[in-house]
C-alpha atoms as a PDB file:
ATOM      1  CA  MET A   1       7.729  -8.914  52.099  1.00  0.00           C
ATOM      2  CA  PRO A   2       6.942  -8.217  48.390  1.00  0.00           C
ATOM      3  CA  THR A   3       3.881  -6.132  47.721  1.00  0.00           C
ATOM      4  CA  LYS A   4       1.196  -7.331  45.342  1.00  0.00           C
ATOM      5  CA  THR A   5       0.654  -5.220  42.287  1.00  0.00           C
ATOM      6  CA  ALA A   6      -2.821  -4.666  40.904  1.00  0.00           C
ATOM      7  CA  PRO A   7      -3.491  -6.139  37.459  1.00  0.00           C
ATOM      8  CA  LYS A   8      -2.968  -3.644  34.694  1.00  0.00           C
ATOM      9  CA  LYS A   9      -6.070  -2.351  33.012  1.00  0.00           C
ATOM     10  CA  PRO A  10      -6.113  -2.382  29.218  1.00  0.00           C
ATOM     11  CA  LYS A  11      -5.403   1.015  27.729  1.00  0.00           C
ATOM     12  CA  PRO A  12      -8.412   2.545  25.985  1.00  0.00           C
ATOM     13  CA  ARG A  13      -8.171   2.511  22.228  1.00  0.00           C
ATOM     14  CA  SER A  14      -8.829   5.854  20.617  1.00  0.00           C
ATOM     15  CA  SER A  15      -9.843   4.341  17.291  1.00  0.00           C
ATOM     16  CA  TYR A  16     -10.424   1.115  15.391  1.00  0.00           C
ATOM     17  CA  ARG A  17     -10.401   0.461  11.705  1.00  0.00           C
ATOM     18  CA  HIS A  18     -13.801  -0.333  10.252  1.00  0.00           C
ATOM     19  CA  GLY A  19     -14.914  -3.738  11.433  1.00  0.00           C
ATOM     20  CA  ASP A  20     -12.011  -4.275  13.823  1.00  0.00           C
ATOM     21  CA  LEU A  21     -13.954  -3.299  16.919  1.00  0.00           C
ATOM     22  CA  ALA A  22     -16.913  -5.493  15.995  1.00  0.00           C
ATOM     23  CA  ARG A  23     -14.601  -8.487  15.504  1.00  0.00           C
ATOM     24  CA  ALA A  24     -12.738  -7.710  18.721  1.00  0.00           C
ATOM     25  CA  LEU A  25     -15.975  -7.535  20.714  1.00  0.00           C
ATOM     26  CA  LEU A  26     -17.184 -10.807  19.210  1.00  0.00           C
ATOM     27  CA  ALA A  27     -13.872 -12.480  20.046  1.00  0.00           C
ATOM     28  CA  ALA A  28     -13.973 -11.138  23.597  1.00  0.00           C
ATOM     29  CA  GLY A  29     -17.558 -12.301  24.002  1.00  0.00           C
ATOM     30  CA  LEU A  30     -16.700 -15.795  22.797  1.00  0.00           C
ATOM     31  CA  ASP A  31     -13.762 -15.914  25.207  1.00  0.00           C
ATOM     32  CA  LEU A  32     -16.114 -15.000  28.050  1.00  0.00           C
ATOM     33  CA  ALA A  33     -18.596 -17.640  26.913  1.00  0.00           C
ATOM     34  CA  ARG A  34     -15.860 -20.262  26.790  1.00  0.00           C
ATOM     35  CA  GLU A  35     -14.724 -19.338  30.291  1.00  0.00           C
ATOM     36  CA  GLY A  36     -18.073 -19.157  32.040  1.00  0.00           C
ATOM     37  CA  GLY A  37     -21.025 -19.823  29.774  1.00  0.00           C
ATOM     38  CA  PRO A  38     -23.838 -17.366  28.963  1.00  0.00           C
ATOM     39  CA  ASP A  39     -23.882 -15.764  32.425  1.00  0.00           C
ATOM     40  CA  ALA A  40     -20.289 -14.640  31.931  1.00  0.00           C
ATOM     41  CA  VAL A  41     -21.007 -12.869  28.639  1.00  0.00           C
ATOM     42  CA  VAL A  42     -21.148  -9.301  29.928  1.00  0.00           C
ATOM     43  CA  LEU A  43     -20.700  -6.393  27.543  1.00  0.00           C
ATOM     44  CA  ARG A  44     -18.923  -4.193  30.069  1.00  0.00           C
ATOM     45  CA  GLU A  45     -16.296  -6.893  30.645  1.00  0.00           C
ATOM     46  CA  ALA A  46     -15.887  -7.452  26.912  1.00  0.00           C
ATOM     47  CA  THR A  47     -15.290  -3.756  26.275  1.00  0.00           C
ATOM     48  CA  ARG A  48     -12.856  -3.647  29.212  1.00  0.00           C
ATOM     49  CA  ARG A  49     -10.858  -6.477  27.661  1.00  0.00           C
ATOM     50  CA  VAL A  50     -10.885  -4.841  24.266  1.00  0.00           C
ATOM     51  CA  GLY A  51      -9.911  -1.493  25.774  1.00  0.00           C
ATOM     52  CA  VAL A  52     -12.856   0.716  24.852  1.00  0.00           C
ATOM     53  CA  VAL A  53     -15.687   2.362  26.757  1.00  0.00           C
ATOM     54  CA  PRO A  54     -18.951   0.335  26.867  1.00  0.00           C
ATOM     55  CA  ASN A  55     -20.847   2.795  24.676  1.00  0.00           C
ATOM     56  CA  ALA A  56     -18.398   2.173  21.837  1.00  0.00           C
ATOM     57  CA  ALA A  57     -20.032  -1.214  21.263  1.00  0.00           C
ATOM     58  CA  TYR A  58     -23.215   0.450  20.040  1.00  0.00           C
ATOM     59  CA  ARG A  59     -21.438   1.798  16.984  1.00  0.00           C
ATOM     60  CA  HIS A  60     -21.502  -1.767  15.670  1.00  0.00           C
ATOM     61  CA  PHE A  61     -24.395  -3.441  17.529  1.00  0.00           C
ATOM     62  CA  GLU A  62     -27.812  -1.852  17.855  1.00  0.00           C
ATOM     63  CA  SER A  63     -28.296  -3.231  21.346  1.00  0.00           C
ATOM     64  CA  ARG A  64     -26.751  -5.457  23.988  1.00  0.00           C
ATOM     65  CA  GLU A  65     -29.171  -8.179  22.892  1.00  0.00           C
ATOM     66  CA  ALA A  66     -27.914  -7.975  19.312  1.00  0.00           C
ATOM     67  CA  TRP A  67     -24.351  -8.456  20.563  1.00  0.00           C
ATOM     68  CA  LEU A  68     -25.411 -11.417  22.700  1.00  0.00           C
ATOM     69  CA  LEU A  69     -27.146 -12.984  19.714  1.00  0.00           C
ATOM     70  CA  ALA A  70     -23.964 -12.604  17.670  1.00  0.00           C
ATOM     71  CA  ILE A  71     -22.018 -14.390  20.433  1.00  0.00           C
ATOM     72  CA  ARG A  72     -24.611 -17.161  20.498  1.00  0.00           C
ATOM     73  CA  SER A  73     -24.355 -17.480  16.733  1.00  0.00           C
ATOM     74  CA  GLY A  74     -20.563 -17.691  16.994  1.00  0.00           C
ATOM     75  CA  ALA A  75     -20.847 -20.473  19.565  1.00  0.00           C
ATOM     76  CA  LEU A  76     -23.212 -22.361  17.256  1.00  0.00           C
ATOM     77  CA  ALA A  77     -20.737 -21.897  14.417  1.00  0.00           C
ATOM     78  CA  ALA A  78     -17.979 -23.390  16.586  1.00  0.00           C
ATOM     79  CA  LEU A  79     -20.183 -26.426  17.195  1.00  0.00           C
ATOM     80  CA  ALA A  80     -20.877 -26.702  13.472  1.00  0.00           C
ATOM     81  CA  ASP A  81     -17.143 -26.509  12.750  1.00  0.00           C
ATOM     82  CA  ALA A  82     -16.544 -29.401  15.151  1.00  0.00           C
ATOM     83  CA  ILE A  83     -19.217 -31.468  13.415  1.00  0.00           C
ATOM     84  CA  GLU A  84     -17.835 -30.695   9.965  1.00  0.00           C
ATOM     85  CA  ALA A  85     -14.338 -31.634  11.120  1.00  0.00           C
ATOM     86  CA  ARG A  86     -15.635 -35.015  12.283  1.00  0.00           C
ATOM     87  CA  LEU A  87     -17.478 -35.575   9.016  1.00  0.00           C
ATOM     88  CA  ALA A  88     -14.303 -34.759   7.100  1.00  0.00           C
ATOM     89  CA  THR A  89     -12.557 -37.729   8.715  1.00  0.00           C
ATOM     90  CA  LEU A  90     -14.940 -40.257   7.131  1.00  0.00           C
ATOM     91  CA  SER A  91     -13.431 -42.392   4.431  1.00  0.00           C
ATOM     92  CA  PRO A  92     -14.435 -41.412   0.880  1.00  0.00           C
ATOM     93  CA  LYS A  93     -14.343 -45.125   0.006  1.00  0.00           C
ATOM     94  CA  LEU A  94     -17.450 -45.918   2.045  1.00  0.00           C
ATOM     95  CA  GLY A  95     -20.481 -47.064   0.133  1.00  0.00           C
ATOM     96  CA  ALA A  96     -23.681 -45.023   0.234  1.00  0.00           C
ATOM     97  CA  ALA A  97     -25.293 -46.947   3.098  1.00  0.00           C
ATOM     98  CA  ALA A  98     -22.129 -47.122   5.210  1.00  0.00           C
ATOM     99  CA  ARG A  99     -21.409 -43.439   4.597  1.00  0.00           C
ATOM    100  CA  ALA A 100     -24.928 -42.468   5.602  1.00  0.00           C
ATOM    101  CA  ARG A 101     -24.730 -44.423   8.841  1.00  0.00           C
ATOM    102  CA  ALA A 102     -21.258 -43.114   9.625  1.00  0.00           C
ATOM    103  CA  GLY A 103     -22.307 -39.551   8.901  1.00  0.00           C
ATOM    104  CA  LEU A 104     -25.282 -39.652  11.234  1.00  0.00           C
ATOM    105  CA  GLU A 105     -23.136 -41.168  13.964  1.00  0.00           C
ATOM    106  CA  ALA A 106     -20.396 -38.582  13.387  1.00  0.00           C
ATOM    107  CA  VAL A 107     -22.823 -35.689  13.850  1.00  0.00           C
ATOM    108  CA  GLY A 108     -24.059 -37.068  17.174  1.00  0.00           C
ATOM    109  CA  ALA A 109     -20.605 -38.006  18.459  1.00  0.00           C
ATOM    110  CA  ALA A 110     -19.143 -34.596  17.557  1.00  0.00           C
ATOM    111  CA  TYR A 111     -22.091 -32.868  19.256  1.00  0.00           C
ATOM    112  CA  ILE A 112     -21.510 -34.724  22.528  1.00  0.00           C
ATOM    113  CA  ASP A 113     -17.727 -34.333  22.357  1.00  0.00           C
ATOM    114  CA  PHE A 114     -18.080 -30.581  21.814  1.00  0.00           C
ATOM    115  CA  ALA A 115     -20.368 -30.267  24.839  1.00  0.00           C
ATOM    116  CA  LEU A 116     -17.772 -32.022  26.999  1.00  0.00           C
ATOM    117  CA  ALA A 117     -14.778 -30.137  25.574  1.00  0.00           C
ATOM    118  CA  GLU A 118     -16.404 -26.675  25.412  1.00  0.00           C
ATOM    119  CA  PRO A 119     -19.242 -26.608  27.956  1.00  0.00           C
ATOM    120  CA  GLY A 120     -19.216 -22.803  28.165  1.00  0.00           C
ATOM    121  CA  LEU A 121     -19.641 -22.373  24.420  1.00  0.00           C
ATOM    122  CA  PHE A 122     -22.177 -25.186  24.298  1.00  0.00           C
ATOM    123  CA  ARG A 123     -24.350 -23.627  26.994  1.00  0.00           C
ATOM    124  CA  THR A 124     -24.082 -20.257  25.282  1.00  0.00           C
ATOM    125  CA  ALA A 125     -25.032 -21.692  21.901  1.00  0.00           C
ATOM    126  CA  PHE A 126     -28.374 -22.820  23.300  1.00  0.00           C
ATOM    127  CA  ALA A 127     -29.018 -20.050  25.798  1.00  0.00           C
ATOM    128  CA  PRO A 128     -32.406 -18.302  25.531  1.00  0.00           C
ATOM    129  CA  CYS A 129     -32.384 -15.212  23.339  1.00  0.00           C
ATOM    130  CA  ASP A 130     -34.530 -12.085  23.321  1.00  0.00           C
ATOM    131  CA  ASP A 131     -37.584 -12.473  21.087  1.00  0.00           C
ATOM    132  CA  ASN A 132     -37.770  -8.684  20.657  1.00  0.00           C
ATOM    133  CA  LEU A 133     -34.767  -8.536  18.347  1.00  0.00           C
ATOM    134  CA  SER A 134     -35.415  -7.125  14.923  1.00  0.00           C
ATOM    135  CA  GLU A 135     -35.214  -9.180  11.726  1.00  0.00           C
ATOM    136  CA  ALA A 136     -32.140  -7.136  10.777  1.00  0.00           C
ATOM    137  CA  ASP A 137     -30.430  -8.180  14.024  1.00  0.00           C
ATOM    138  CA  LEU A 138     -31.227 -11.826  13.370  1.00  0.00           C
ATOM    139  CA  ALA A 139     -30.025 -11.647   9.773  1.00  0.00           C
ATOM    140  CA  ARG A 140     -26.729 -10.002  10.713  1.00  0.00           C
ATOM    141  CA  SER A 141     -26.056 -12.608  13.412  1.00  0.00           C
ATOM    142  CA  THR A 142     -26.431 -15.576  11.072  1.00  0.00           C
ATOM    143  CA  ILE A 143     -24.713 -14.372   7.889  1.00  0.00           C
ATOM    144  CA  GLY A 144     -21.928 -16.761   6.932  1.00  0.00           C
ATOM    145  CA  ARG A 145     -22.697 -19.105   9.827  1.00  0.00           C
ATOM    146  CA  THR A 146     -23.040 -22.851   9.431  1.00  0.00           C
ATOM    147  CA  ASN A 147     -26.040 -24.293  11.212  1.00  0.00           C
ATOM    148  CA  PRO A 148     -25.564 -27.596  13.105  1.00  0.00           C
ATOM    149  CA  PHE A 149     -29.242 -28.352  12.534  1.00  0.00           C
ATOM    150  CA  GLN A 150     -28.696 -28.143   8.768  1.00  0.00           C
ATOM    151  CA  LEU A 151     -25.704 -30.488   8.999  1.00  0.00           C
ATOM    152  CA  LEU A 152     -27.886 -33.033  10.772  1.00  0.00           C
ATOM    153  CA  GLY A 153     -30.523 -32.593   8.070  1.00  0.00           C
ATOM    154  CA  ARG A 154     -28.008 -33.294   5.325  1.00  0.00           C
ATOM    155  CA  GLU A 155     -26.978 -36.555   6.950  1.00  0.00           C
ATOM    156  CA  LEU A 156     -30.600 -37.586   7.344  1.00  0.00           C
ATOM    157  CA  ASP A 157     -31.122 -36.846   3.660  1.00  0.00           C
ATOM    158  CA  ARG A 158     -28.228 -39.220   2.964  1.00  0.00           C
ATOM    159  CA  MET A 159     -30.028 -41.855   5.005  1.00  0.00           C
ATOM    160  CA  VAL A 160     -33.092 -41.461   2.786  1.00  0.00           C
ATOM    161  CA  ALA A 161     -31.021 -41.500  -0.420  1.00  0.00           C
ATOM    162  CA  ALA A 162     -29.272 -44.688   0.718  1.00  0.00           C
ATOM    163  CA  GLY A 163     -32.600 -46.372   1.360  1.00  0.00           C
ATOM    164  CA  LEU A 164     -32.028 -46.606   5.121  1.00  0.00           C
ATOM    165  CA  LEU A 165     -34.656 -44.085   6.216  1.00  0.00           C
ATOM    166  CA  PRO A 166     -38.138 -44.242   4.691  1.00  0.00           C
ATOM    167  CA  ALA A 167     -39.091 -40.974   2.988  1.00  0.00           C
ATOM    168  CA  ALA A 168     -42.274 -40.965   5.047  1.00  0.00           C
ATOM    169  CA  GLY A 169     -40.182 -40.926   8.213  1.00  0.00           C
ATOM    170  CA  ARG A 170     -37.957 -38.040   7.136  1.00  0.00           C
ATOM    171  CA  PRO A 171     -40.144 -35.068   8.203  1.00  0.00           C
ATOM    172  CA  GLY A 172     -39.293 -34.099  11.763  1.00  0.00           C
ATOM    173  CA  ALA A 173     -36.485 -36.649  12.075  1.00  0.00           C
ATOM    174  CA  GLU A 174     -34.036 -33.865  12.997  1.00  0.00           C
ATOM    175  CA  PHE A 175     -36.024 -33.079  16.118  1.00  0.00           C
ATOM    176  CA  LEU A 176     -36.099 -36.693  17.260  1.00  0.00           C
ATOM    177  CA  ALA A 177     -32.354 -37.194  16.816  1.00  0.00           C
ATOM    178  CA  TRP A 178     -31.458 -33.772  18.187  1.00  0.00           C
ATOM    179  CA  SER A 179     -33.624 -34.156  21.291  1.00  0.00           C
ATOM    180  CA  ALA A 180     -31.964 -37.413  22.265  1.00  0.00           C
ATOM    181  CA  VAL A 181     -28.374 -36.266  21.718  1.00  0.00           C
ATOM    182  CA  HIS A 182     -28.908 -32.842  23.293  1.00  0.00           C
ATOM    183  CA  GLY A 183     -30.554 -34.443  26.309  1.00  0.00           C
ATOM    184  CA  LEU A 184     -27.547 -36.671  26.910  1.00  0.00           C
ATOM    185  CA  ALA A 185     -25.150 -33.752  26.405  1.00  0.00           C
ATOM    186  CA  MET A 186     -26.963 -31.673  29.026  1.00  0.00           C
ATOM    187  CA  LEU A 187     -27.047 -34.567  31.494  1.00  0.00           C
ATOM    188  CA  LEU A 188     -23.311 -34.978  31.031  1.00  0.00           C
ATOM    189  CA  ILE A 189     -22.348 -31.344  31.600  1.00  0.00           C
ATOM    190  CA  ASP A 190     -25.072 -30.069  33.948  1.00  0.00           C
ATOM    191  CA  GLY A 191     -26.944 -33.114  35.201  1.00  0.00           C
ATOM    192  CA  PRO A 192     -26.300 -36.013  37.570  1.00  0.00           C
ATOM    193  CA  MET A 193     -23.816 -37.600  35.143  1.00  0.00           C
ATOM    194  CA  ARG A 194     -21.398 -34.671  35.198  1.00  0.00           C
ATOM    195  CA  GLY A 195     -19.103 -36.151  37.847  1.00  0.00           C
ATOM    196  CA  HIS A 196     -18.044 -38.971  35.528  1.00  0.00           C
ATOM    197  CA  SER A 197     -19.056 -37.487  32.219  1.00  0.00           C
ATOM    198  CA  ARG A 198     -16.143 -38.772  30.118  1.00  0.00           C
ATOM    199  CA  ASP A 199     -16.466 -42.390  31.217  1.00  0.00           C
ATOM    200  CA  ILE A 200     -20.242 -42.352  30.966  1.00  0.00           C
ATOM    201  CA  ALA A 201     -20.162 -40.691  27.544  1.00  0.00           C
ATOM    202  CA  ALA A 202     -17.768 -43.346  26.238  1.00  0.00           C
ATOM    203  CA  MET A 203     -20.111 -46.060  27.455  1.00  0.00           C
ATOM    204  CA  ILE A 204     -23.526 -44.577  26.643  1.00  0.00           C
ATOM    205  CA  ALA A 205     -23.054 -42.330  23.605  1.00  0.00           C
ATOM    206  CA  PRO A 206     -22.416 -45.109  21.045  1.00  0.00           C
ATOM    207  CA  ARG A 207     -25.470 -47.008  22.289  1.00  0.00           C
ATOM    208  CA  LEU A 208     -27.616 -43.897  22.177  1.00  0.00           C
ATOM    209  CA  LEU A 209     -26.532 -43.136  18.615  1.00  0.00           C
ATOM    210  CA  ALA A 210     -27.267 -46.720  17.569  1.00  0.00           C
ATOM    211  CA  MET A 211     -30.677 -46.448  19.232  1.00  0.00           C
ATOM    212  CA  ILE A 212     -31.419 -43.235  17.329  1.00  0.00           C
ATOM    213  CA  GLU A 213     -30.571 -44.838  13.990  1.00  0.00           C
ATOM    214  CA  LYS A 214     -32.638 -47.906  14.774  1.00  0.00           C
ATOM    215  CA  GLY A 215     -35.580 -45.811  15.910  1.00  0.00           C
ATOM    216  CA  LEU A 216     -35.517 -43.642  12.793  1.00  0.00           C
ATOM    217  CA  THR A 217     -35.184 -46.495  10.340  1.00  0.00           C
ATOM    218  CA  VAL A 218     -37.995 -48.709  11.684  1.00  0.00           C
END
């Protein structure tokens, strides 16, 4: 009878070029997030996968919380990338009003699709973070990152420019649209809809997005 062999442990790395270890730890953290959400993002496991001792992480991150915030920021950036990819598919021949409507719908549809396709990253992107982080930690975690909230804001600005959304209704519109779409996304991946999330999303999401537009433009 063949004997089972234990999985090989990664060999410790004696050195990394400047920046390589930070990138490797971020990549490992995002892999963990993708696999199991925020609860799976454990620094000791990330360093094991990279092949370094846990303390090596603190050469590049001031604290475990700073590393977790960087992972959260990376997950948000992945969501933003998905939204931008959807926006890039819109026809450049659309008129201003049609483009504005299509853009707002694209942001919401991409948001929901990302939650269904990458629930681990989605949960991590919106996981609670430590309020005791320093401003330097926060700044480092967001440098070069695209913010999904800003992408939504740009599309709402298009709605105003196209004359579809009254200027008086623009302040706070992001929160109204975001709340509705995020609520549906969470119901689909963690709520009572999760058993049939794909079918329900296909049926409900377009109606929800139409409802959001109608509600904002009244």
